[in-house]
Amino acid sequence: HNRSSYDFKKIAADATNVAANLRNFINGFSVGAR
């Protein structure tokens, strides 16, 4: 599962914080997926 509120659409909507938001998205995955 992913418990982050981000998806690619939300990440792309904030061009100045792409790296931080992408990390938030990745860290939102369950342990096995991460």
Full PDB file with SEQRES, HELIX, SHEET, SSBOND, CRYST1, ORIGX, SCALE, CONECT and MASTER records, all heavy atoms in Angstrom:
SEQRES   1 A   34  HIS ASN ARG SER SER TYR ASP PHE LYS LYS ILE ALA ALA          
SEQRES   2 A   34  ASP ALA THR ASN VAL ALA ALA ASN LEU ARG ASN PHE ILE          
SEQRES   3 A   34  ASN GLY PHE SER VAL GLY ALA ARG                              
HELIX    1 AA1 PHE A    8  ALA A   12  1                                   5    
HELIX    2 AA2 ALA A   15  ASN A   17  5                                   3    
HELIX    3 AA3 VAL A   18  ASN A   27  1                                  10    
CRYST1    1.000    1.000    1.000  90.00  90.00  90.00 P 1           1          
ORIGX1      1.000000  0.000000  0.000000        0.00000                         
ORIGX2      0.000000  1.000000  0.000000        0.00000                         
ORIGX3      0.000000  0.000000  1.000000        0.00000                         
SCALE1      1.000000  0.000000  0.000000        0.00000                         
SCALE2      0.000000  1.000000  0.000000        0.00000                         
SCALE3      0.000000  0.000000  1.000000        0.00000                         
ATOM      1  N   HIS A   1       0.869  -1.181   0.000  1.00  0.00           N  
ATOM      2  CA  HIS A   1       0.000   0.000   0.000  1.00  0.00           C  
ATOM      3  C   HIS A   1       0.905   1.230   0.000  1.00  0.00           C  
ATOM      4  O   HIS A   1       2.125   1.111   0.128  1.00  0.00           O  
ATOM      5  CB  HIS A   1      -0.907   0.014   1.236  1.00  0.00           C  
ATOM      6  CG  HIS A   1      -0.137   0.177   2.509  1.00  0.00           C  
ATOM      7  ND1 HIS A   1       0.400  -0.897   3.186  1.00  0.00           N  
ATOM      8  CD2 HIS A   1       0.216   1.267   3.213  1.00  0.00           C  
ATOM      9  CE1 HIS A   1       1.043  -0.460   4.251  1.00  0.00           C  
ATOM     10  NE2 HIS A   1       0.942   0.856   4.291  1.00  0.00           N  
ATOM     11  N   ASN A   2       0.287   2.384  -0.140  1.00  0.00           N  
ATOM     12  CA  ASN A   2       1.015   3.639  -0.013  1.00  0.00           C  
ATOM     13  C   ASN A   2       0.178   4.573   0.844  1.00  0.00           C  
ATOM     14  O   ASN A   2      -0.981   4.838   0.544  1.00  0.00           O  
ATOM     15  CB  ASN A   2       1.296   4.280  -1.376  1.00  0.00           C  
ATOM     16  CG  ASN A   2       2.226   5.462  -1.264  1.00  0.00           C  
ATOM     17  OD1 ASN A   2       1.951   6.431  -0.564  1.00  0.00           O  
ATOM     18  ND2 ASN A   2       3.351   5.387  -1.935  1.00  0.00           N  
ATOM     19  N   ARG A   3       0.808   5.065   1.917  1.00  0.00           N  
ATOM     20  CA  ARG A   3       0.079   5.936   2.845  1.00  0.00           C  
ATOM     21  C   ARG A   3       0.443   7.410   2.667  1.00  0.00           C  
ATOM     22  O   ARG A   3       0.057   8.242   3.475  1.00  0.00           O  
ATOM     23  CB  ARG A   3       0.298   5.479   4.281  1.00  0.00           C  
ATOM     24  CG  ARG A   3       1.724   5.467   4.734  1.00  0.00           C  
ATOM     25  CD  ARG A   3       1.899   5.022   6.156  1.00  0.00           C  
ATOM     26  NE  ARG A   3       2.012   3.577   6.235  1.00  0.00           N  
ATOM     27  CZ  ARG A   3       2.353   2.912   7.313  1.00  0.00           C  
ATOM     28  NH1 ARG A   3       2.614   3.553   8.418  1.00  0.00           N  
ATOM     29  NH2 ARG A   3       2.449   1.625   7.311  1.00  0.00           N  
ATOM     30  N   SER A   4       1.157   7.720   1.615  1.00  0.00           N  
ATOM     31  CA  SER A   4       1.477   9.112   1.321  1.00  0.00           C  
ATOM     32  C   SER A   4       0.282   9.785   0.665  1.00  0.00           C  
ATOM     33  O   SER A   4      -0.464   9.162  -0.085  1.00  0.00           O  
ATOM     34  CB  SER A   4       2.684   9.186   0.371  1.00  0.00           C  
ATOM     35  OG  SER A   4       2.871  10.509  -0.084  1.00  0.00           O  
ATOM     36  N   SER A   5       0.108  11.056   0.923  1.00  0.00           N  
ATOM     37  CA  SER A   5      -0.976  11.790   0.259  1.00  0.00           C  
ATOM     38  C   SER A   5      -0.568  12.214  -1.153  1.00  0.00           C  
ATOM     39  O   SER A   5      -1.369  12.757  -1.895  1.00  0.00           O  
ATOM     40  CB  SER A   5      -1.358  13.022   1.078  1.00  0.00           C  
ATOM     41  OG  SER A   5      -0.250  13.893   1.183  1.00  0.00           O  
ATOM     42  N   TYR A   6       0.689  11.929  -1.525  1.00  0.00           N  
ATOM     43  CA  TYR A   6       1.186  12.315  -2.853  1.00  0.00           C  
ATOM     44  C   TYR A   6       0.978  11.208  -3.869  1.00  0.00           C  
ATOM     45  O   TYR A   6       1.020  10.025  -3.557  1.00  0.00           O  
ATOM     46  CB  TYR A   6       2.678  12.658  -2.796  1.00  0.00           C  
ATOM     47  CG  TYR A   6       2.947  13.978  -2.137  1.00  0.00           C  
ATOM     48  CD1 TYR A   6       3.315  14.045  -0.809  1.00  0.00           C  
ATOM     49  CD2 TYR A   6       2.821  15.166  -2.843  1.00  0.00           C  
ATOM     50  CE1 TYR A   6       3.550  15.254  -0.180  1.00  0.00           C  
ATOM     51  CE2 TYR A   6       3.046  16.384  -2.234  1.00  0.00           C  
ATOM     52  CZ  TYR A   6       3.414  16.424  -0.906  1.00  0.00           C  
ATOM     53  OH  TYR A   6       3.645  17.626  -0.297  1.00  0.00           O  
ATOM     54  N   ASP A   7       0.781  11.631  -5.104  1.00  0.00           N  
ATOM     55  CA  ASP A   7       0.846  10.772  -6.274  1.00  0.00           C  
ATOM     56  C   ASP A   7       1.603  11.600  -7.314  1.00  0.00           C  
ATOM     57  O   ASP A   7       2.018  12.731  -7.035  1.00  0.00           O  
ATOM     58  CB  ASP A   7      -0.542  10.342  -6.754  1.00  0.00           C  
ATOM     59  CG  ASP A   7      -1.462  11.520  -7.064  1.00  0.00           C  
ATOM     60  OD1 ASP A   7      -0.974  12.663  -7.254  1.00  0.00           O  
ATOM     61  OD2 ASP A   7      -2.683  11.309  -7.128  1.00  0.00           O  
ATOM     62  N   PHE A   8       1.824  11.048  -8.498  1.00  0.00           N  
ATOM     63  CA  PHE A   8       2.626  11.787  -9.482  1.00  0.00           C  
ATOM     64  C   PHE A   8       1.978  13.100  -9.905  1.00  0.00           C  
ATOM     65  O   PHE A   8       2.670  14.076 -10.169  1.00  0.00           O  
ATOM     66  CB  PHE A   8       2.943  10.911 -10.699  1.00  0.00           C  
ATOM     67  CG  PHE A   8       4.011   9.903 -10.415  1.00  0.00           C  
ATOM     68  CD1 PHE A   8       3.720   8.559 -10.339  1.00  0.00           C  
ATOM     69  CD2 PHE A   8       5.317  10.311 -10.206  1.00  0.00           C  
ATOM     70  CE1 PHE A   8       4.707   7.626 -10.057  1.00  0.00           C  
ATOM     71  CE2 PHE A   8       6.313   9.394  -9.922  1.00  0.00           C  
ATOM     72  CZ  PHE A   8       6.002   8.047  -9.846  1.00  0.00           C  
ATOM     73  N   LYS A   9       0.674  13.138  -9.935  1.00  0.00           N  
ATOM     74  CA  LYS A   9      -0.010  14.385 -10.300  1.00  0.00           C  
ATOM     75  C   LYS A   9       0.269  15.481  -9.266  1.00  0.00           C  
ATOM     76  O   LYS A   9       0.593  16.618  -9.619  1.00  0.00           O  
ATOM     77  CB  LYS A   9      -1.516  14.131 -10.423  1.00  0.00           C  
ATOM     78  CG  LYS A   9      -2.286  15.319 -10.904  1.00  0.00           C  
ATOM     79  CD  LYS A   9      -3.746  14.977 -11.121  1.00  0.00           C  
ATOM     80  CE  LYS A   9      -4.450  16.181 -11.682  1.00  0.00           C  
ATOM     81  NZ  LYS A   9      -5.371  15.853 -12.730  1.00  0.00           N  
ATOM     82  N   LYS A  10       0.173  15.149  -7.978  1.00  0.00           N  
ATOM     83  CA  LYS A  10       0.443  16.132  -6.925  1.00  0.00           C  
ATOM     84  C   LYS A  10       1.915  16.517  -6.876  1.00  0.00           C  
ATOM     85  O   LYS A  10       2.247  17.677  -6.621  1.00  0.00           O  
ATOM     86  CB  LYS A  10       0.003  15.598  -5.563  1.00  0.00           C  
ATOM     87  CG  LYS A  10      -1.488  15.578  -5.366  1.00  0.00           C  
ATOM     88  CD  LYS A  10      -1.854  15.096  -3.985  1.00  0.00           C  
ATOM     89  CE  LYS A  10      -3.349  15.025  -3.799  1.00  0.00           C  
ATOM     90  NZ  LYS A  10      -3.721  14.517  -2.483  1.00  0.00           N  
ATOM     91  N   ILE A  11       2.780  15.546  -7.117  1.00  0.00           N  
ATOM     92  CA  ILE A  11       4.226  15.839  -7.105  1.00  0.00           C  
ATOM     93  C   ILE A  11       4.554  16.806  -8.236  1.00  0.00           C  
ATOM     94  O   ILE A  11       5.266  17.786  -8.042  1.00  0.00           O  
ATOM     95  CB  ILE A  11       5.051  14.542  -7.237  1.00  0.00           C  
ATOM     96  CG1 ILE A  11       4.845  13.650  -6.016  1.00  0.00           C  
ATOM     97  CG2 ILE A  11       6.539  14.869  -7.409  1.00  0.00           C  
ATOM     98  CD1 ILE A  11       5.378  12.237  -6.178  1.00  0.00           C  
ATOM     99  N   ALA A  12       4.017  16.542  -9.415  1.00  0.00           N  
ATOM    100  CA  ALA A  12       4.293  17.386 -10.583  1.00  0.00           C  
ATOM    101  C   ALA A  12       3.668  18.766 -10.452  1.00  0.00           C  
ATOM    102  O   ALA A  12       4.140  19.729 -11.064  1.00  0.00           O  
ATOM    103  CB  ALA A  12       3.780  16.705 -11.850  1.00  0.00           C  
ATOM    104  N   ALA A  13       2.640  18.911  -9.631  1.00  0.00           N  
ATOM    105  CA  ALA A  13       1.969  20.201  -9.464  1.00  0.00           C  
ATOM    106  C   ALA A  13       2.801  21.188  -8.654  1.00  0.00           C  
ATOM    107  O   ALA A  13       2.521  22.380  -8.653  1.00  0.00           O  
ATOM    108  CB  ALA A  13       0.617  20.004  -8.798  1.00  0.00           C  
ATOM    109  N   ASP A  14       3.836  20.694  -7.972  1.00  0.00           N  
ATOM    110  CA  ASP A  14       4.682  21.549  -7.134  1.00  0.00           C  
ATOM    111  C   ASP A  14       6.126  21.442  -7.613  1.00  0.00           C  
ATOM    112  O   ASP A  14       6.948  20.735  -7.040  1.00  0.00           O  
ATOM    113  CB  ASP A  14       4.559  21.116  -5.667  1.00  0.00           C  
ATOM    114  CG  ASP A  14       5.332  22.005  -4.714  1.00  0.00           C  
ATOM    115  OD1 ASP A  14       5.931  23.011  -5.157  1.00  0.00           O  
ATOM    116  OD2 ASP A  14       5.347  21.677  -3.510  1.00  0.00           O  
ATOM    117  N   ALA A  15       6.430  22.143  -8.689  1.00  0.00           N  
ATOM    118  CA  ALA A  15       7.727  22.019  -9.354  1.00  0.00           C  
ATOM    119  C   ALA A  15       8.919  22.391  -8.467  1.00  0.00           C  
ATOM    120  O   ALA A  15      10.025  21.918  -8.699  1.00  0.00           O  
ATOM    121  CB  ALA A  15       7.741  22.878 -10.620  1.00  0.00           C  
ATOM    122  N   THR A  16       8.728  23.196  -7.463  1.00  0.00           N  
ATOM    123  CA  THR A  16       9.859  23.612  -6.626  1.00  0.00           C  
ATOM    124  C   THR A  16      10.196  22.589  -5.533  1.00  0.00           C  
ATOM    125  O   THR A  16      11.274  22.659  -4.949  1.00  0.00           O  
ATOM    126  CB  THR A  16       9.593  24.978  -5.968  1.00  0.00           C  
ATOM    127  OG1 THR A  16       8.394  24.897  -5.205  1.00  0.00           O  
ATOM    128  CG2 THR A  16       9.481  26.070  -7.008  1.00  0.00           C  
ATOM    129  N   ASN A  17       9.290  21.661  -5.259  1.00  0.00           N  
ATOM    130  CA  ASN A  17       9.523  20.668  -4.189  1.00  0.00           C  
ATOM    131  C   ASN A  17       9.416  19.236  -4.687  1.00  0.00           C  
ATOM    132  O   ASN A  17       9.021  18.347  -3.934  1.00  0.00           O  
ATOM    133  CB  ASN A  17       8.517  20.892  -3.054  1.00  0.00           C  
ATOM    134  CG  ASN A  17       8.737  22.224  -2.380  1.00  0.00           C  
ATOM    135  OD1 ASN A  17       9.796  22.488  -1.852  1.00  0.00           O  
ATOM    136  ND2 ASN A  17       7.724  23.061  -2.428  1.00  0.00           N  
ATOM    137  N   VAL A  18       9.789  19.009  -5.928  1.00  0.00           N  
ATOM    138  CA  VAL A  18       9.645  17.676  -6.524  1.00  0.00           C  
ATOM    139  C   VAL A  18      10.417  16.628  -5.731  1.00  0.00           C  
ATOM    140  O   VAL A  18       9.887  15.566  -5.405  1.00  0.00           O  
ATOM    141  CB  VAL A  18      10.080  17.677  -8.005  1.00  0.00           C  
ATOM    142  CG1 VAL A  18      10.068  16.271  -8.573  1.00  0.00           C  
ATOM    143  CG2 VAL A  18       9.179  18.581  -8.816  1.00  0.00           C  
ATOM    144  N   ALA A  19      11.667  16.891  -5.400  1.00  0.00           N  
ATOM    145  CA  ALA A  19      12.499  15.899  -4.708  1.00  0.00           C  
ATOM    146  C   ALA A  19      11.904  15.526  -3.351  1.00  0.00           C  
ATOM    147  O   ALA A  19      11.759  14.340  -3.031  1.00  0.00           O  
ATOM    148  CB  ALA A  19      13.924  16.417  -4.547  1.00  0.00           C  
ATOM    149  N   ALA A  20      11.540  16.513  -2.560  1.00  0.00           N  
ATOM    150  CA  ALA A  20      10.982  16.246  -1.229  1.00  0.00           C  
ATOM    151  C   ALA A  20       9.651  15.508  -1.335  1.00  0.00           C  
ATOM    152  O   ALA A  20       9.401  14.552  -0.586  1.00  0.00           O  
ATOM    153  CB  ALA A  20      10.795  17.553  -0.465  1.00  0.00           C  
ATOM    154  N   ASN A  21       8.814  15.903  -2.266  1.00  0.00           N  
ATOM    155  CA  ASN A  21       7.508  15.266  -2.411  1.00  0.00           C  
ATOM    156  C   ASN A  21       7.624  13.845  -2.975  1.00  0.00           C  
ATOM    157  O   ASN A  21       6.876  12.957  -2.573  1.00  0.00           O  
ATOM    158  CB  ASN A  21       6.589  16.120  -3.278  1.00  0.00           C  
ATOM    159  CG  ASN A  21       6.287  17.449  -2.622  1.00  0.00           C  
ATOM    160  OD1 ASN A  21       6.447  17.626  -1.418  1.00  0.00           O  
ATOM    161  ND2 ASN A  21       5.857  18.414  -3.415  1.00  0.00           N  
ATOM    162  N   LEU A  22       8.583  13.627  -3.867  1.00  0.00           N  
ATOM    163  CA  LEU A  22       8.817  12.288  -4.398  1.00  0.00           C  
ATOM    164  C   LEU A  22       9.335  11.367  -3.290  1.00  0.00           C  
ATOM    165  O   LEU A  22       8.907  10.217  -3.172  1.00  0.00           O  
ATOM    166  CB  LEU A  22       9.799  12.331  -5.563  1.00  0.00           C  
ATOM    167  CG  LEU A  22      10.096  11.007  -6.260  1.00  0.00           C  
ATOM    168  CD1 LEU A  22       8.818  10.351  -6.771  1.00  0.00           C  
ATOM    169  CD2 LEU A  22      11.075  11.235  -7.404  1.00  0.00           C  
ATOM    170  N   ARG A  23      10.213  11.879  -2.449  1.00  0.00           N  
ATOM    171  CA  ARG A  23      10.699  11.086  -1.304  1.00  0.00           C  
ATOM    172  C   ARG A  23       9.546  10.759  -0.346  1.00  0.00           C  
ATOM    173  O   ARG A  23       9.460   9.660   0.184  1.00  0.00           O  
ATOM    174  CB  ARG A  23      11.812  11.825  -0.581  1.00  0.00           C  
ATOM    175  CG  ARG A  23      13.133  11.771  -1.310  1.00  0.00           C  
ATOM    176  CD  ARG A  23      14.267  12.382  -0.477  1.00  0.00           C  
ATOM    177  NE  ARG A  23      15.520  12.181  -1.149  1.00  0.00           N  
ATOM    178  CZ  ARG A  23      16.152  13.115  -1.879  1.00  0.00           C  
ATOM    179  NH1 ARG A  23      15.635  14.322  -1.993  1.00  0.00           N  
ATOM    180  NH2 ARG A  23      17.301  12.833  -2.464  1.00  0.00           N  
ATOM    181  N   ASN A  24       8.669  11.715  -0.129  1.00  0.00           N  
ATOM    182  CA  ASN A  24       7.503  11.470   0.720  1.00  0.00           C  
ATOM    183  C   ASN A  24       6.645  10.352   0.134  1.00  0.00           C  
ATOM    184  O   ASN A  24       6.187   9.467   0.849  1.00  0.00           O  
ATOM    185  CB  ASN A  24       6.681  12.757   0.866  1.00  0.00           C  
ATOM    186  CG  ASN A  24       5.455  12.566   1.715  1.00  0.00           C  
ATOM    187  OD1 ASN A  24       4.499  11.907   1.314  1.00  0.00           O  
ATOM    188  ND2 ASN A  24       5.474  13.157   2.897  1.00  0.00           N  
ATOM    189  N   PHE A  25       6.440  10.384  -1.163  1.00  0.00           N  
ATOM    190  CA  PHE A  25       5.659   9.351  -1.849  1.00  0.00           C  
ATOM    191  C   PHE A  25       6.325   7.981  -1.694  1.00  0.00           C  
ATOM    192  O   PHE A  25       5.673   7.001  -1.329  1.00  0.00           O  
ATOM    193  CB  PHE A  25       5.521   9.720  -3.328  1.00  0.00           C  
ATOM    194  CG  PHE A  25       4.844   8.682  -4.162  1.00  0.00           C  
ATOM    195  CD1 PHE A  25       3.490   8.420  -4.017  1.00  0.00           C  
ATOM    196  CD2 PHE A  25       5.556   7.960  -5.106  1.00  0.00           C  
ATOM    197  CE1 PHE A  25       2.856   7.459  -4.802  1.00  0.00           C  
ATOM    198  CE2 PHE A  25       4.934   7.000  -5.889  1.00  0.00           C  
ATOM    199  CZ  PHE A  25       3.589   6.747  -5.733  1.00  0.00           C  
ATOM    200  N   ILE A  26       7.622   7.912  -1.945  1.00  0.00           N  
ATOM    201  CA  ILE A  26       8.355   6.646  -1.837  1.00  0.00           C  
ATOM    202  C   ILE A  26       8.330   6.127  -0.409  1.00  0.00           C  
ATOM    203  O   ILE A  26       8.100   4.946  -0.170  1.00  0.00           O  
ATOM    204  CB  ILE A  26       9.804   6.821  -2.344  1.00  0.00           C  
ATOM    205  CG1 ILE A  26       9.803   7.019  -3.869  1.00  0.00           C  
ATOM    206  CG2 ILE A  26      10.672   5.629  -1.943  1.00  0.00           C  
ATOM    207  CD1 ILE A  26      11.141   7.431  -4.452  1.00  0.00           C  
ATOM    208  N   ASN A  27       8.539   7.013   0.551  1.00  0.00           N  
ATOM    209  CA  ASN A  27       8.533   6.598   1.963  1.00  0.00           C  
ATOM    210  C   ASN A  27       7.149   6.195   2.449  1.00  0.00           C  
ATOM    211  O   ASN A  27       7.013   5.576   3.503  1.00  0.00           O  
ATOM    212  CB  ASN A  27       9.109   7.700   2.853  1.00  0.00           C  
ATOM    213  CG  ASN A  27      10.589   7.869   2.644  1.00  0.00           C  
ATOM    214  OD1 ASN A  27      11.299   6.923   2.318  1.00  0.00           O  
ATOM    215  ND2 ASN A  27      11.074   9.088   2.824  1.00  0.00           N  
ATOM    216  N   GLY A  28       6.108   6.513   1.691  1.00  0.00           N  
ATOM    217  CA  GLY A  28       4.757   6.137   2.053  1.00  0.00           C  
ATOM    218  C   GLY A  28       4.404   4.691   1.728  1.00  0.00           C  
ATOM    219  O   GLY A  28       3.375   4.188   2.165  1.00  0.00           O  
ATOM    220  N   PHE A  29       5.261   4.015   0.969  1.00  0.00           N  
ATOM    221  CA  PHE A  29       4.992   2.616   0.638  1.00  0.00           C  
ATOM    222  C   PHE A  29       5.225   1.728   1.843  1.00  0.00           C  
ATOM    223  O   PHE A  29       6.017   2.040   2.732  1.00  0.00           O  
ATOM    224  CB  PHE A  29       5.880   2.145  -0.519  1.00  0.00           C  
ATOM    225  CG  PHE A  29       5.356   2.536  -1.870  1.00  0.00           C  
ATOM    226  CD1 PHE A  29       5.888   3.630  -2.530  1.00  0.00           C  
ATOM    227  CD2 PHE A  29       4.333   1.823  -2.463  1.00  0.00           C  
ATOM    228  CE1 PHE A  29       5.410   4.008  -3.759  1.00  0.00           C  
ATOM    229  CE2 PHE A  29       3.840   2.193  -3.705  1.00  0.00           C  
ATOM    230  CZ  PHE A  29       4.381   3.290  -4.359  1.00  0.00           C  
ATOM    231  N   SER A  30       4.536   0.599   1.857  1.00  0.00           N  
ATOM    232  CA  SER A  30       4.733  -0.397   2.915  1.00  0.00           C  
ATOM    233  C   SER A  30       6.167  -0.932   2.837  1.00  0.00           C  
ATOM    234  O   SER A  30       6.851  -0.779   1.821  1.00  0.00           O  
ATOM    235  CB  SER A  30       3.725  -1.526   2.766  1.00  0.00           C  
ATOM    236  OG  SER A  30       3.704  -2.015   1.439  1.00  0.00           O  
ATOM    237  N   VAL A  31       6.615  -1.526   3.930  1.00  0.00           N  
ATOM    238  CA  VAL A  31       8.018  -1.947   4.060  1.00  0.00           C  
ATOM    239  C   VAL A  31       8.462  -2.842   2.908  1.00  0.00           C  
ATOM    240  O   VAL A  31       9.519  -2.627   2.325  1.00  0.00           O  
ATOM    241  CB  VAL A  31       8.255  -2.647   5.419  1.00  0.00           C  
ATOM    242  CG1 VAL A  31       9.638  -3.251   5.501  1.00  0.00           C  
ATOM    243  CG2 VAL A  31       8.053  -1.659   6.554  1.00  0.00           C  
ATOM    244  N   GLY A  32       7.667  -3.842   2.568  1.00  0.00           N  
ATOM    245  CA  GLY A  32       8.050  -4.762   1.500  1.00  0.00           C  
ATOM    246  C   GLY A  32       8.264  -4.063   0.171  1.00  0.00           C  
ATOM    247  O   GLY A  32       9.229  -4.348  -0.546  1.00  0.00           O  
ATOM    248  N   ALA A  33       7.388  -3.148  -0.178  1.00  0.00           N  
ATOM    249  CA  ALA A  33       7.523  -2.398  -1.422  1.00  0.00           C  
ATOM    250  C   ALA A  33       8.724  -1.462  -1.361  1.00  0.00           C  
ATOM    251  O   ALA A  33       9.461  -1.315  -2.336  1.00  0.00           O  
ATOM    252  CB  ALA A  33       6.250  -1.612  -1.706  1.00  0.00           C  
ATOM    253  N   ARG A  34       8.929  -0.823  -0.208  1.00  0.00           N  
ATOM    254  CA  ARG A  34      10.064   0.093  -0.049  1.00  0.00           C  
ATOM    255  C   ARG A  34      11.396  -0.632  -0.192  1.00  0.00           C  
ATOM    256  O   ARG A  34      12.349  -0.084  -0.728  1.00  0.00           O  
ATOM    257  CB  ARG A  34       9.980   0.810   1.292  1.00  0.00           C  
ATOM    258  CG  ARG A  34       9.769   2.286   1.147  1.00  0.00           C  
ATOM    259  CD  ARG A  34       9.841   3.120   2.398  1.00  0.00           C  
ATOM    260  NE  ARG A  34      10.044   2.459   3.647  1.00  0.00           N  
ATOM    261  CZ  ARG A  34       9.086   2.146   4.529  1.00  0.00           C  
ATOM    262  NH1 ARG A  34       7.835   2.412   4.248  1.00  0.00           N  
ATOM    263  NH2 ARG A  34       9.372   1.569   5.664  1.00  0.00           N  
TER     264      ARG A  34                                                      
MASTER        0    0    0    3    0    0    0    6  263    1    0    3          
END                                                                             
